Protein backbone atom coordinates (compact mmCIF):
# COMPACT_ATOMS: atom_id res chain seq x y z
CA UNK A 1 0.00 0.00 0.00
CA UNK A 2 1.33 3.41 -0.96
CA UNK A 3 0.76 6.32 1.41
CA UNK A 4 0.44 9.73 -0.25
CA UNK A 5 0.37 13.16 1.38
CA UNK A 6 -1.85 16.03 0.21
CA UNK A 7 -1.97 19.52 1.63
CA UNK A 8 -4.35 22.44 1.43
CA UNK A 9 -5.32 25.69 3.09
CA UNK A 10 -8.33 24.01 4.72
CA UNK A 11 -9.18 20.44 5.73
CA UNK A 12 -11.82 20.22 3.03
CA UNK A 13 -9.37 21.42 0.35
CA UNK A 14 -6.80 18.79 1.33
CA UNK A 15 -9.36 16.01 1.41
CA UNK A 16 -10.78 17.09 -1.96
CA UNK A 17 -7.26 17.01 -3.45
CA UNK A 18 -6.77 13.43 -2.21
CA UNK A 19 -10.14 12.28 -3.51
CA UNK A 20 -9.60 13.98 -6.86
CA UNK A 21 -6.31 12.13 -7.31
CA UNK A 22 -7.30 8.77 -5.83
CA UNK A 23 -11.02 8.63 -6.47
CA UNK A 24 -14.08 8.68 -4.20
CA UNK A 25 -13.07 5.39 -2.51
CA UNK A 26 -9.90 6.95 -1.06
CA UNK A 27 -9.24 6.10 2.59
CA UNK A 28 -8.19 9.10 4.71
CA UNK A 29 -5.91 7.86 7.47
CA UNK A 30 -4.94 11.10 9.17
CA UNK A 31 -5.59 14.84 8.97
CA UNK A 32 -3.26 17.20 10.80
CA UNK A 33 -2.65 20.92 11.01
CA UNK A 34 0.88 21.98 10.03
CA UNK A 35 1.99 25.22 11.62
CA UNK A 36 4.96 27.16 10.25
CA UNK A 37 7.92 27.22 12.60
CA UNK A 38 10.39 29.84 13.61
CA UNK A 39 10.09 33.35 14.93
CA UNK A 40 8.82 34.78 11.68
CA UNK A 41 6.16 32.06 11.35
CA UNK A 42 3.85 34.25 13.41
CA UNK A 43 2.18 35.88 10.40
CA UNK A 44 2.08 32.74 8.25
CA UNK A 45 -1.11 30.73 8.01
CA UNK A 46 -1.18 27.07 8.93
CA UNK A 47 -1.95 24.40 6.34
CA UNK A 48 -3.56 20.97 6.60
CA UNK A 49 -1.99 17.68 5.58
CA UNK A 50 -3.95 14.55 4.69
CA UNK A 51 -2.36 11.09 4.58
C-alpha cells in the first residue's frame, strides 16, 4: 500500500485534493494541522496535511 500526502489551506481542500487524485473510494488515514515554525512564522497561516 502506498501512502500519499496532500496539503491544502483548509481540511476540506486537502481532502478534496486526495479524492480527486485517488477517487471517491480513497481512505483518509490522518488529517493534521501543520503550523509554520520559527520566529517569523507568526504571520504565516497554517496548512492541513492529509495522509
